N, C-alpha and C. Protein backbone atom coordinates (compact mmCIF):
# COMPACT_ATOMS: atom_id res chain seq x y z
N MET A 1 -19.99 -5.87 4.63
CA MET A 1 -18.70 -6.02 5.22
C MET A 1 -18.78 -6.10 6.74
N SER A 2 -19.95 -6.26 7.29
CA SER A 2 -20.08 -6.28 8.74
C SER A 2 -19.75 -7.64 9.34
N ASP A 3 -19.82 -8.73 8.59
CA ASP A 3 -19.50 -10.05 9.12
C ASP A 3 -18.00 -10.26 9.13
N ASN A 4 -17.53 -10.95 10.16
CA ASN A 4 -16.13 -11.36 10.26
C ASN A 4 -15.14 -10.21 10.31
N LEU A 5 -15.56 -9.05 10.76
CA LEU A 5 -14.63 -7.94 10.90
C LEU A 5 -13.86 -8.11 12.19
N ILE A 6 -12.61 -7.74 12.14
CA ILE A 6 -11.76 -7.81 13.31
C ILE A 6 -11.57 -6.39 13.81
N HIS A 7 -11.78 -6.17 15.09
CA HIS A 7 -11.57 -4.85 15.67
C HIS A 7 -10.21 -4.83 16.33
N ILE A 8 -9.45 -3.79 16.05
CA ILE A 8 -8.15 -3.65 16.70
C ILE A 8 -8.14 -2.33 17.44
N GLY A 9 -7.20 -2.18 18.34
CA GLY A 9 -7.07 -0.92 19.04
C GLY A 9 -7.40 -1.04 20.50
N ASP A 10 -7.79 0.07 21.10
CA ASP A 10 -7.92 0.13 22.55
C ASP A 10 -9.33 0.48 23.01
N GLY A 11 -10.34 0.19 22.20
CA GLY A 11 -11.71 0.39 22.65
C GLY A 11 -12.34 1.69 22.21
N TYR A 12 -11.63 2.55 21.53
CA TYR A 12 -12.21 3.80 21.07
C TYR A 12 -13.09 3.56 19.85
N ASP A 13 -13.99 4.50 19.60
CA ASP A 13 -14.94 4.35 18.50
C ASP A 13 -14.28 4.34 17.13
N ASN A 14 -13.09 4.91 17.00
CA ASN A 14 -12.47 5.04 15.69
C ASN A 14 -11.49 3.90 15.37
N GLU A 15 -11.65 2.75 16.01
CA GLU A 15 -10.79 1.61 15.72
C GLU A 15 -10.99 1.17 14.28
N PRO A 16 -9.91 0.88 13.58
CA PRO A 16 -10.08 0.39 12.21
C PRO A 16 -10.62 -1.03 12.21
N GLU A 17 -11.38 -1.33 11.21
CA GLU A 17 -11.90 -2.68 11.02
C GLU A 17 -11.23 -3.25 9.79
N TYR A 18 -10.99 -4.55 9.82
CA TYR A 18 -10.45 -5.17 8.63
C TYR A 18 -10.90 -6.62 8.51
N LYS A 19 -10.80 -7.12 7.30
CA LYS A 19 -11.13 -8.51 7.02
C LYS A 19 -10.14 -9.04 6.00
N ILE A 20 -9.57 -10.18 6.30
CA ILE A 20 -8.70 -10.86 5.35
C ILE A 20 -9.55 -11.87 4.59
N SER A 21 -9.40 -11.89 3.28
CA SER A 21 -10.21 -12.78 2.45
C SER A 21 -9.96 -14.24 2.82
N ASP A 22 -10.93 -15.07 2.50
CA ASP A 22 -10.84 -16.50 2.81
C ASP A 22 -9.62 -17.15 2.18
N ASP A 23 -9.22 -16.66 0.99
CA ASP A 23 -8.05 -17.25 0.33
C ASP A 23 -6.74 -16.62 0.80
N GLY A 24 -6.81 -15.64 1.70
CA GLY A 24 -5.62 -15.02 2.27
C GLY A 24 -4.88 -14.08 1.34
N LYS A 25 -5.49 -13.72 0.21
CA LYS A 25 -4.80 -12.88 -0.77
C LYS A 25 -5.07 -11.39 -0.61
N SER A 26 -6.12 -11.02 0.15
CA SER A 26 -6.43 -9.60 0.26
C SER A 26 -6.91 -9.24 1.65
N ILE A 27 -6.78 -7.97 1.93
CA ILE A 27 -7.27 -7.40 3.17
C ILE A 27 -8.09 -6.17 2.80
N ILE A 28 -9.26 -6.06 3.40
CA ILE A 28 -10.10 -4.85 3.26
C ILE A 28 -10.06 -4.19 4.62
N ILE A 29 -9.71 -2.91 4.63
CA ILE A 29 -9.42 -2.24 5.90
C ILE A 29 -9.82 -0.77 5.84
N ASP A 30 -10.18 -0.23 7.01
CA ASP A 30 -10.43 1.21 7.10
C ASP A 30 -9.14 1.94 6.76
N ALA A 31 -9.26 2.99 5.98
CA ALA A 31 -8.09 3.79 5.60
C ALA A 31 -7.86 4.86 6.67
N VAL A 32 -7.28 4.42 7.79
CA VAL A 32 -6.98 5.30 8.92
C VAL A 32 -5.57 4.99 9.42
N ASP A 33 -4.99 5.95 10.14
CA ASP A 33 -3.62 5.81 10.62
C ASP A 33 -3.40 4.51 11.40
N ASP A 34 -4.34 4.16 12.27
CA ASP A 34 -4.18 2.98 13.11
C ASP A 34 -4.22 1.67 12.32
N ALA A 35 -4.50 1.73 11.05
CA ALA A 35 -4.58 0.53 10.23
C ALA A 35 -3.24 0.13 9.63
N MET A 36 -2.21 0.96 9.80
CA MET A 36 -0.92 0.68 9.16
C MET A 36 -0.34 -0.65 9.65
N ASP A 37 -0.39 -0.92 10.94
CA ASP A 37 0.20 -2.16 11.45
C ASP A 37 -0.44 -3.42 10.86
N PRO A 38 -1.78 -3.53 10.84
CA PRO A 38 -2.34 -4.74 10.23
C PRO A 38 -2.03 -4.87 8.74
N VAL A 39 -1.95 -3.74 8.03
CA VAL A 39 -1.58 -3.79 6.61
C VAL A 39 -0.15 -4.31 6.47
N GLN A 40 0.77 -3.74 7.24
CA GLN A 40 2.16 -4.16 7.15
C GLN A 40 2.33 -5.62 7.59
N ASP A 41 1.61 -6.03 8.64
CA ASP A 41 1.70 -7.42 9.09
C ASP A 41 1.20 -8.38 8.01
N PHE A 42 0.11 -8.00 7.35
CA PHE A 42 -0.46 -8.83 6.28
C PHE A 42 0.58 -9.03 5.17
N ILE A 43 1.20 -7.94 4.71
CA ILE A 43 2.19 -8.02 3.62
C ILE A 43 3.42 -8.79 4.10
N ARG A 44 3.95 -8.45 5.27
CA ARG A 44 5.16 -9.10 5.79
C ARG A 44 4.96 -10.61 5.91
N ASP A 45 3.86 -11.02 6.53
CA ASP A 45 3.63 -12.45 6.74
C ASP A 45 3.57 -13.20 5.42
N LYS A 46 2.90 -12.62 4.44
CA LYS A 46 2.79 -13.28 3.13
C LYS A 46 4.18 -13.40 2.49
N LEU A 47 4.96 -12.33 2.50
CA LEU A 47 6.26 -12.35 1.83
C LEU A 47 7.27 -13.24 2.55
N ILE A 48 7.24 -13.25 3.86
CA ILE A 48 8.13 -14.13 4.62
C ILE A 48 7.82 -15.59 4.32
N SER A 49 6.55 -15.91 4.13
CA SER A 49 6.18 -17.30 3.84
C SER A 49 6.76 -17.78 2.50
N TYR A 50 7.13 -16.83 1.63
CA TYR A 50 7.76 -17.16 0.35
C TYR A 50 9.27 -16.98 0.39
N GLY A 51 9.83 -16.72 1.56
CA GLY A 51 11.28 -16.59 1.68
C GLY A 51 11.84 -15.32 1.07
N CYS A 52 11.07 -14.24 1.13
CA CYS A 52 11.50 -12.97 0.54
C CYS A 52 12.81 -12.49 1.16
N ASP A 53 13.71 -12.03 0.32
CA ASP A 53 14.97 -11.43 0.74
C ASP A 53 14.70 -10.25 1.69
N LYS A 54 15.48 -10.11 2.77
CA LYS A 54 15.22 -9.08 3.78
C LYS A 54 15.30 -7.67 3.22
N LYS A 55 16.28 -7.39 2.37
CA LYS A 55 16.42 -6.05 1.78
C LYS A 55 15.20 -5.72 0.92
N ILE A 56 14.77 -6.69 0.15
CA ILE A 56 13.60 -6.48 -0.71
C ILE A 56 12.35 -6.31 0.13
N LEU A 57 12.24 -7.09 1.21
CA LEU A 57 11.09 -6.95 2.11
C LEU A 57 11.03 -5.53 2.68
N LEU A 58 12.15 -4.97 3.06
CA LEU A 58 12.18 -3.60 3.57
C LEU A 58 11.74 -2.59 2.51
N GLU A 59 12.21 -2.77 1.27
CA GLU A 59 11.80 -1.88 0.18
C GLU A 59 10.30 -1.96 -0.06
N ILE A 60 9.76 -3.17 -0.06
CA ILE A 60 8.32 -3.34 -0.29
C ILE A 60 7.53 -2.73 0.86
N ARG A 61 7.97 -2.97 2.09
CA ARG A 61 7.26 -2.40 3.25
C ARG A 61 7.26 -0.87 3.20
N LEU A 62 8.36 -0.27 2.78
CA LEU A 62 8.41 1.19 2.64
C LEU A 62 7.44 1.66 1.56
N ALA A 63 7.41 0.97 0.43
CA ALA A 63 6.49 1.34 -0.65
C ALA A 63 5.04 1.20 -0.19
N VAL A 64 4.73 0.10 0.50
CA VAL A 64 3.37 -0.11 1.01
C VAL A 64 2.99 1.02 1.96
N GLU A 65 3.90 1.39 2.85
CA GLU A 65 3.61 2.48 3.78
C GLU A 65 3.34 3.78 3.05
N GLU A 66 4.16 4.13 2.08
CA GLU A 66 3.98 5.37 1.34
C GLU A 66 2.64 5.39 0.61
N ILE A 67 2.29 4.30 -0.02
CA ILE A 67 1.03 4.24 -0.78
C ILE A 67 -0.16 4.28 0.17
N PHE A 68 -0.11 3.51 1.24
CA PHE A 68 -1.25 3.48 2.17
C PHE A 68 -1.41 4.82 2.87
N VAL A 69 -0.32 5.49 3.23
CA VAL A 69 -0.41 6.82 3.83
C VAL A 69 -1.08 7.79 2.87
N ASN A 70 -0.78 7.69 1.58
CA ASN A 70 -1.45 8.55 0.60
C ASN A 70 -2.95 8.28 0.55
N ILE A 71 -3.35 7.02 0.62
CA ILE A 71 -4.78 6.70 0.63
C ILE A 71 -5.42 7.29 1.89
N ILE A 72 -4.78 7.08 3.03
CA ILE A 72 -5.30 7.63 4.30
C ILE A 72 -5.43 9.15 4.21
N SER A 73 -4.39 9.79 3.70
CA SER A 73 -4.31 11.26 3.73
C SER A 73 -5.17 11.96 2.70
N TYR A 74 -5.41 11.33 1.55
CA TYR A 74 -6.03 12.07 0.46
C TYR A 74 -7.30 11.46 -0.13
N ALA A 75 -7.48 10.16 -0.07
CA ALA A 75 -8.58 9.54 -0.80
C ALA A 75 -9.95 9.95 -0.29
N TYR A 76 -10.13 9.97 1.02
CA TYR A 76 -11.47 10.16 1.57
C TYR A 76 -11.62 11.38 2.46
N ARG A 77 -10.57 12.00 2.88
CA ARG A 77 -10.63 13.05 3.89
C ARG A 77 -11.72 14.06 3.59
N PRO A 78 -12.50 14.49 4.53
CA PRO A 78 -12.41 14.25 5.96
C PRO A 78 -13.13 12.98 6.39
N GLU A 79 -13.73 12.25 5.48
CA GLU A 79 -14.44 11.01 5.81
C GLU A 79 -13.45 9.86 5.92
N ILE A 80 -13.95 8.71 6.33
CA ILE A 80 -13.14 7.49 6.38
C ILE A 80 -13.74 6.51 5.38
N GLY A 81 -12.89 5.93 4.56
CA GLY A 81 -13.33 4.93 3.60
C GLY A 81 -12.53 3.66 3.76
N LYS A 82 -12.76 2.74 2.87
CA LYS A 82 -12.08 1.45 2.89
C LYS A 82 -11.00 1.40 1.81
N ALA A 83 -9.99 0.60 2.09
CA ALA A 83 -8.97 0.28 1.09
C ALA A 83 -8.91 -1.25 1.00
N GLU A 84 -8.72 -1.74 -0.19
CA GLU A 84 -8.51 -3.17 -0.38
C GLU A 84 -7.10 -3.36 -0.93
N ILE A 85 -6.36 -4.24 -0.29
CA ILE A 85 -4.99 -4.50 -0.71
C ILE A 85 -4.89 -5.98 -1.03
N LEU A 86 -4.53 -6.24 -2.27
CA LEU A 86 -4.39 -7.60 -2.78
C LEU A 86 -2.90 -7.90 -2.92
N CYS A 87 -2.46 -9.04 -2.41
CA CYS A 87 -1.04 -9.41 -2.48
C CYS A 87 -0.95 -10.81 -3.07
N VAL A 88 -0.36 -10.91 -4.26
CA VAL A 88 -0.26 -12.19 -4.96
C VAL A 88 1.20 -12.43 -5.32
N VAL A 89 1.69 -13.62 -5.02
CA VAL A 89 3.06 -13.99 -5.35
C VAL A 89 3.04 -15.05 -6.45
N GLU A 90 3.76 -14.76 -7.53
CA GLU A 90 3.97 -15.74 -8.59
C GLU A 90 5.30 -16.41 -8.30
N GLU A 91 5.36 -17.72 -8.52
CA GLU A 91 6.56 -18.45 -8.11
C GLU A 91 7.60 -18.66 -9.20
N GLU A 92 7.27 -18.50 -10.45
CA GLU A 92 8.25 -18.72 -11.52
C GLU A 92 8.23 -17.57 -12.51
N PRO A 93 9.05 -16.55 -12.38
CA PRO A 93 9.98 -16.28 -11.30
C PRO A 93 9.22 -15.73 -10.09
N MET A 94 9.87 -15.69 -8.95
CA MET A 94 9.26 -15.25 -7.69
C MET A 94 9.07 -13.72 -7.73
N VAL A 95 7.82 -13.30 -7.98
CA VAL A 95 7.48 -11.89 -8.11
C VAL A 95 6.20 -11.63 -7.33
N VAL A 96 6.17 -10.54 -6.57
CA VAL A 96 4.96 -10.16 -5.86
C VAL A 96 4.29 -9.00 -6.60
N THR A 97 2.97 -9.07 -6.68
CA THR A 97 2.16 -7.96 -7.16
C THR A 97 1.27 -7.55 -6.00
N ILE A 98 1.33 -6.27 -5.65
CA ILE A 98 0.47 -5.74 -4.59
C ILE A 98 -0.39 -4.67 -5.23
N GLN A 99 -1.69 -4.84 -5.09
CA GLN A 99 -2.66 -3.92 -5.69
C GLN A 99 -3.42 -3.21 -4.58
N PHE A 100 -3.48 -1.89 -4.68
CA PHE A 100 -4.21 -1.05 -3.74
C PHE A 100 -5.43 -0.49 -4.45
N MET A 101 -6.61 -0.65 -3.84
CA MET A 101 -7.84 -0.11 -4.42
C MET A 101 -8.57 0.71 -3.37
N ASP A 102 -9.06 1.86 -3.82
CA ASP A 102 -9.91 2.68 -2.95
C ASP A 102 -10.95 3.36 -3.83
N SER A 103 -12.04 3.77 -3.21
CA SER A 103 -13.13 4.46 -3.92
C SER A 103 -13.09 5.96 -3.67
N GLY A 104 -11.93 6.47 -3.31
CA GLY A 104 -11.78 7.89 -3.02
C GLY A 104 -11.70 8.73 -4.28
N LYS A 105 -11.30 9.97 -4.07
CA LYS A 105 -11.16 10.91 -5.19
C LYS A 105 -10.18 10.34 -6.22
N PRO A 106 -10.51 10.44 -7.51
CA PRO A 106 -9.56 9.96 -8.53
C PRO A 106 -8.24 10.71 -8.43
N PHE A 107 -7.15 9.96 -8.39
CA PHE A 107 -5.83 10.57 -8.32
C PHE A 107 -4.79 9.59 -8.81
N ASN A 108 -4.04 9.99 -9.83
CA ASN A 108 -2.96 9.18 -10.36
C ASN A 108 -1.64 9.69 -9.80
N PRO A 109 -1.06 9.01 -8.82
CA PRO A 109 0.19 9.49 -8.24
C PRO A 109 1.36 9.44 -9.22
N LEU A 110 1.22 8.67 -10.29
CA LEU A 110 2.30 8.59 -11.27
C LEU A 110 2.39 9.85 -12.11
N ASP A 111 1.34 10.68 -12.07
CA ASP A 111 1.39 11.97 -12.77
C ASP A 111 2.19 13.02 -12.01
N VAL A 112 2.50 12.72 -10.74
CA VAL A 112 3.30 13.65 -9.94
C VAL A 112 4.73 13.62 -10.46
N GLU A 113 5.27 14.80 -10.72
CA GLU A 113 6.63 14.90 -11.22
C GLU A 113 7.60 14.32 -10.20
N ASP A 114 8.63 13.61 -10.69
CA ASP A 114 9.63 13.06 -9.79
C ASP A 114 10.23 14.15 -8.92
N ALA A 115 10.44 13.83 -7.67
CA ALA A 115 11.05 14.77 -6.72
C ALA A 115 12.48 15.05 -7.15
N ASP A 116 12.88 16.30 -7.03
CA ASP A 116 14.27 16.69 -7.28
C ASP A 116 15.02 16.43 -5.98
N THR A 117 15.85 15.40 -6.00
CA THR A 117 16.55 15.01 -4.77
C THR A 117 17.92 15.68 -4.65
N THR A 118 18.16 16.67 -5.48
CA THR A 118 19.43 17.40 -5.40
C THR A 118 19.17 18.79 -4.85
N GLY A 119 20.11 19.32 -4.15
CA GLY A 119 20.01 20.71 -3.70
C GLY A 119 19.24 20.88 -2.42
N ALA A 120 19.33 22.06 -1.86
CA ALA A 120 18.73 22.39 -0.57
C ALA A 120 17.21 22.44 -0.64
N GLN A 121 16.62 22.77 -1.79
CA GLN A 121 15.16 22.86 -1.89
C GLN A 121 14.50 21.52 -1.62
N PHE A 122 15.21 20.42 -1.86
CA PHE A 122 14.67 19.09 -1.58
C PHE A 122 14.37 18.93 -0.10
N LEU A 123 15.24 19.44 0.76
CA LEU A 123 15.07 19.29 2.20
C LEU A 123 13.90 20.10 2.73
N GLN A 124 13.48 21.12 2.00
CA GLN A 124 12.41 22.00 2.45
C GLN A 124 11.06 21.65 1.85
N LYS A 125 11.05 20.88 0.77
CA LYS A 125 9.81 20.57 0.07
C LYS A 125 9.02 19.50 0.81
N VAL A 126 7.72 19.70 0.89
CA VAL A 126 6.84 18.70 1.49
C VAL A 126 6.06 18.02 0.37
N GLY A 127 6.04 16.70 0.39
CA GLY A 127 5.25 15.94 -0.58
C GLY A 127 6.03 15.55 -1.82
N GLY A 128 5.61 14.47 -2.43
CA GLY A 128 6.19 14.01 -3.68
C GLY A 128 7.32 13.01 -3.53
N PHE A 129 7.94 12.97 -2.37
CA PHE A 129 9.08 12.08 -2.21
C PHE A 129 8.64 10.62 -2.05
N GLY A 130 7.49 10.39 -1.42
CA GLY A 130 7.01 9.02 -1.22
C GLY A 130 6.80 8.28 -2.52
N ILE A 131 6.10 8.90 -3.46
CA ILE A 131 5.87 8.23 -4.75
C ILE A 131 7.18 8.10 -5.52
N HIS A 132 8.09 9.04 -5.32
CA HIS A 132 9.44 8.95 -5.91
C HIS A 132 10.12 7.67 -5.43
N ILE A 133 10.05 7.41 -4.13
CA ILE A 133 10.64 6.19 -3.56
C ILE A 133 9.98 4.96 -4.17
N VAL A 134 8.66 4.97 -4.24
CA VAL A 134 7.93 3.82 -4.79
C VAL A 134 8.36 3.56 -6.24
N LYS A 135 8.39 4.61 -7.05
CA LYS A 135 8.73 4.46 -8.47
C LYS A 135 10.15 3.96 -8.68
N HIS A 136 11.05 4.31 -7.78
CA HIS A 136 12.46 3.96 -7.97
C HIS A 136 12.91 2.72 -7.20
N THR A 137 12.03 2.12 -6.39
CA THR A 137 12.41 0.88 -5.70
C THR A 137 11.64 -0.33 -6.21
N MET A 138 10.50 -0.12 -6.82
CA MET A 138 9.71 -1.23 -7.34
C MET A 138 10.11 -1.50 -8.79
N ASP A 139 9.90 -2.74 -9.23
CA ASP A 139 10.23 -3.10 -10.61
C ASP A 139 9.25 -2.47 -11.59
N SER A 140 7.99 -2.37 -11.18
CA SER A 140 7.01 -1.67 -12.01
C SER A 140 5.91 -1.11 -11.11
N VAL A 141 5.33 -0.01 -11.57
CA VAL A 141 4.23 0.66 -10.88
C VAL A 141 3.25 1.11 -11.95
N ASP A 142 1.97 0.77 -11.78
CA ASP A 142 0.99 1.28 -12.74
C ASP A 142 -0.30 1.66 -12.00
N TYR A 143 -1.06 2.53 -12.65
CA TYR A 143 -2.28 3.08 -12.06
C TYR A 143 -3.38 3.08 -13.10
N GLU A 144 -4.60 2.86 -12.62
CA GLU A 144 -5.78 3.07 -13.46
C GLU A 144 -6.94 3.47 -12.56
N PHE A 145 -7.88 4.21 -13.15
CA PHE A 145 -9.12 4.52 -12.46
C PHE A 145 -10.20 3.76 -13.22
N LYS A 146 -10.83 2.81 -12.52
CA LYS A 146 -11.77 1.91 -13.19
C LYS A 146 -12.94 1.64 -12.26
N ASP A 147 -14.15 1.73 -12.80
CA ASP A 147 -15.37 1.44 -12.04
C ASP A 147 -15.43 2.22 -10.73
N GLY A 148 -15.01 3.50 -10.79
CA GLY A 148 -15.06 4.37 -9.62
C GLY A 148 -13.99 4.09 -8.58
N LYS A 149 -12.95 3.36 -8.97
CA LYS A 149 -11.89 3.01 -8.02
C LYS A 149 -10.51 3.42 -8.54
N ASN A 150 -9.70 3.94 -7.61
CA ASN A 150 -8.27 4.11 -7.86
C ASN A 150 -7.62 2.75 -7.69
N ILE A 151 -6.84 2.33 -8.66
CA ILE A 151 -6.15 1.04 -8.59
C ILE A 151 -4.68 1.29 -8.89
N LEU A 152 -3.84 1.04 -7.89
CA LEU A 152 -2.40 1.21 -8.05
C LEU A 152 -1.75 -0.15 -7.80
N ARG A 153 -0.91 -0.59 -8.75
CA ARG A 153 -0.24 -1.87 -8.63
C ARG A 153 1.27 -1.66 -8.60
N ILE A 154 1.92 -2.39 -7.69
CA ILE A 154 3.37 -2.42 -7.67
C ILE A 154 3.81 -3.87 -7.84
N LYS A 155 4.95 -4.04 -8.50
CA LYS A 155 5.52 -5.39 -8.68
C LYS A 155 6.99 -5.34 -8.28
N LYS A 156 7.43 -6.45 -7.68
CA LYS A 156 8.83 -6.54 -7.27
C LYS A 156 9.26 -8.01 -7.23
N ALA A 157 10.44 -8.30 -7.80
CA ALA A 157 11.02 -9.63 -7.68
C ALA A 157 11.43 -9.84 -6.23
N LEU A 158 11.22 -11.05 -5.71
CA LEU A 158 11.46 -11.31 -4.30
C LEU A 158 12.85 -11.83 -3.97
N ALA A 159 13.69 -12.02 -4.96
CA ALA A 159 15.05 -12.48 -4.69
C ALA A 159 16.05 -11.47 -5.24
N SER A 160 17.14 -11.29 -4.53
CA SER A 160 18.20 -10.40 -5.00
C SER A 160 18.91 -11.05 -6.16
N GLU A 161 19.32 -10.24 -7.09
CA GLU A 161 20.06 -10.75 -8.26
C GLU A 161 21.49 -11.06 -7.87
């Protein structure tokens, strides 16, 4: 992965590296905080090119952020690993599938109980709300652990009904 890497940031040693595949369908990137912008730009640019509805684009960007933050926060800590994000749009009907893969610790976020969004305890609880948002804004979410990799897929129709 050393060829064709793009360095972003301000010259510090911990700059994330990333590579977009030749077919433009995936990005392989360091799973670090500073990598959020290139991940979001990659997804946004792809979806805008297909005329994605603005409300849906915001929902997808929020889901992408929640999932990528979980990879950054839990998959490799205290080490840094790579994440691969594949974004494929089917045109009939217009549906995006975004797949996140990492080689970190096995973890199925779908096993996390839905957050209780009622009552005062919700405001005090840390964790669990991000995957709740993902599960309730995407059309489908699935997970598998295969060949030593966490694989989480989200799907969403790109046009409002």
